[in-house]
Amino acid sequence: MEREQEPRTLAEIDSEFIVLEDGDVDIENAVPVSNTAERTIENAASSSQSLKPDIVFLGAGPVGLWTAVQTKILVPWAQIVLVEKYQVYQRSHVLRLDKASFKHCVKENKELTDLVASWPKFIRTNDLEDGLLKLAQKLGIKLWFQAIRDGNELLQLFPSTRIIVGSDGSHSVVRHTMFGNDLSVQKDIQMTAEVKYEVFDTTKSLNYITETYPCLKLMHYVATESIGKPKEGRTPVTLRLLIDSEAHKTVSDASFKNPFFFPSHGHLLHPKLKAAINIWLNAKEHFAGEKRVPGSEKLTALKLSVYRSRKFHTVYNHKGANVDVFLVGDSAFGVPFFRALNNGFLCGSHLAFTLAKSLDATKKNNLTAVGGFLQWASRGTQVGSFMMDKLQLGLSKIGHKVFFETNPAGYNDYVNALADDEIMAAEGKKTALKLFKLGNEINGAVPWQVIRFSSDVESKLKQDIQFASNTK
């Protein structure tokens, strides 16, 4: 007779499961809120006509700043402008950094290397942006604040530019205008539901073997939990569940801006999803002694998606003049599981060297692009020591070191290979999580289960919860 399989934790399946979108992870209470979250950035100039940039970036988020700073270090004479919609930081969520994402960055500027070394594994978006912004302004990079709805507006504002970089996120205006929003991959790989609530005083995690694992077998969903730090006598808790499309349809309108509240929206939930939430919350009350703040429970739904542009560089003709246009970060491609920002940093470093080579070749118009670059590199800059006009980068998909030219075609090849690699990895994680769910379902169905609740406890956990209205 087969024995029940040993339970496995989500960390064994995928330590990067707890994901929102664009690489965001909600462990907000594990990282202190910075006082830079509300910082207002000053305008760069009173008129765009006073700025004559060589390069214009649309989007001054972490990836745009990262790419622009490295480009400016490599080509100090270049005039760079970052166009940003907001003067006040809009995000303060926590991101997970992979130090390997910085290994190919510019090394010759001590302030940049010190800044990178100071970043912890988990960092708030506004802290990341604040450090990069200070360095960008010190280097002489300008900022222009304006909402751009069409990429051609950039060329009207800054007619001198011959290079545009779209670093404006997953809904990129640059990609829509100048690449026709031509996506070669666009699909949802997983649906999730997230329940946030507060408890009075403090709480604790369930014991995985004796409490969490039997709960997961009853719930029929893969789930994980985050517990924040207590504040003013209350502790925030977040429960996340991987759900199917049928359950997602019932909560698809629940967004971060307009979440579902259980007293008013609970009846809309799919019965299986509602039962799973009841089981978990009842378990936390039974085993951990949680006392929820009445009415604090709210639910949001999210699709974890992968997408990629068909091209990451194009030559765009505007009124008879050709402009090189590049995509970087979420404008180029997007994957979940903490990888979006880190991929953006990898691509940003490669793009900085590509832009530096392109700018130097343009300035030295009496030389060929390669000749001009080599003459500049021979002066002893880091670009010269960085394998001259090639970057050596290893991708697991390819399985060995590969050289990518630091020119537009080489950049396109690099991002293309990286996107394929990351999308394949995301699909693999999706499969692993499905197998984890299947294992729980099988273990929960066999009659000879060893790790299970008594019938009395199981009945108690399955009781419907009468959610109260918020009394705060």
Foldseek 3Di string as FASTA:
>chain_A
DDAADDADDVVVLAVLPQWFFLQFHALQQVDDFDPLQFPFADAQDPALVVAAFQEEEEDLFLLSLLLLLQLCVLPVVGAYEYEYADRGHDWFTKGFADLVLCPLFFDPDVLVVVVSVPDDRIGTRSVSSVSSVVSCVVSPHGYHHDDDQAPVVVCVSHVNYQEYEYPPAQVTNCCCHFVVVAWPDKDFLFKKKKKKFKFFAAWDDDDCQQQVLQLLLVLLWDKDKHWHDDDPRMIMIMMMTTDDPVQCVLQVPAAPVRWAWCQVRVVSGDPSNLLSVLLVVLSRCVPTVTHTQFRRITMHMHTFMKIAHPWFWDWGADPNDTHIYGYAFSNGITGISSCRVSRRSNLSRLLSLLVNLVVQCVVPVVDHSLVSQQVSLVVPGVCVVCVRQWHWDDAVVVPDTDIFGSHRVSSRVVVVRVSVRRVVVRNVSSVSSVVSSVSSNVLSPDPNRDRHDDPVSVVSSSDRDNGGHRPD
